[in-house]
Amino acid sequence: MPEIAKFYGIIIKLFFGDHPPPHFHTMYGEYNAVFNIETLEMIEGDFPSRATKMVLE
């Protein structure tokens, strides 16, 4: 999965042609989460609130 961004230890990855809905994967230390691209809702996983705010920004 190609990395599209890396900041403050947060990695955002996007895989073209992955299952619906359109989403991106995030990693931060031991935490992993999947966010819907259209709504920016966390649809899977667990992420610290501070890191979530940075991802959504």
Protein backbone atom coordinates (compact mmCIF):
# COMPACT_ATOMS: atom_id res chain seq x y z
CA MET A 1 0.00 0.00 0.00
CA PRO A 2 1.62 3.29 -1.04
CA GLU A 3 2.15 5.96 1.60
CA ILE A 4 0.59 9.28 0.64
CA ALA A 5 1.53 11.24 3.78
CA LYS A 6 3.72 10.96 6.85
CA PHE A 7 3.72 13.52 9.67
CA TYR A 8 4.25 13.50 13.46
CA GLY A 9 4.58 9.72 13.35
CA ILE A 10 1.23 9.31 11.57
CA ILE A 11 1.28 7.41 8.27
CA ILE A 12 -1.58 7.64 5.76
CA LYS A 13 -1.85 4.99 3.07
CA LEU A 14 -4.21 4.62 0.14
CA PHE A 15 -4.70 1.56 -2.01
CA PHE A 16 -6.26 2.06 -5.44
CA GLY A 17 -9.06 -0.37 -6.27
CA ASP A 18 -9.62 -1.47 -2.66
CA HIS A 19 -13.09 -2.49 -1.43
CA PRO A 20 -15.87 0.13 -1.09
CA PRO A 21 -16.50 2.62 0.42
CA PRO A 22 -13.54 4.79 -0.69
CA HIS A 23 -11.24 5.01 2.32
CA PHE A 24 -7.67 5.51 3.54
CA HIS A 25 -5.68 3.65 6.17
CA THR A 26 -3.82 5.38 9.00
CA MET A 27 -1.13 4.13 11.37
CA TYR A 28 0.30 5.72 14.49
CA GLY A 29 2.52 3.53 16.66
CA GLU A 30 0.41 0.53 17.64
CA TYR A 31 -2.84 2.17 16.47
CA ASN A 32 -4.53 1.53 13.12
CA ALA A 33 -7.71 2.99 11.69
CA VAL A 34 -9.63 3.29 8.42
CA PHE A 35 -11.37 6.56 7.48
CA ASN A 36 -14.09 7.07 4.88
CA ILE A 37 -12.84 9.61 2.33
CA GLU A 38 -16.24 11.19 1.67
CA THR A 39 -17.45 11.62 5.27
CA LEU A 40 -14.08 11.48 7.11
CA GLU A 41 -15.75 9.11 9.58
CA MET A 42 -13.58 6.46 11.25
CA ILE A 43 -15.09 3.23 9.95
CA GLU A 44 -12.68 0.74 11.49
CA GLY A 45 -10.00 0.53 14.14
CA ASP A 46 -8.88 2.63 17.08
CA PHE A 47 -6.96 5.90 17.05
CA PRO A 48 -6.07 8.44 19.76
CA SER A 49 -8.28 11.54 19.60
CA ARG A 50 -5.32 13.91 19.21
CA ALA A 51 -3.97 11.93 16.24
CA THR A 52 -7.46 11.71 14.74
CA LYS A 53 -7.78 15.50 14.83
CA MET A 54 -4.46 15.84 12.97
CA VAL A 55 -5.54 13.33 10.32
CA LEU A 56 -8.85 15.09 9.75
CA GLU A 57 -7.15 18.47 9.50
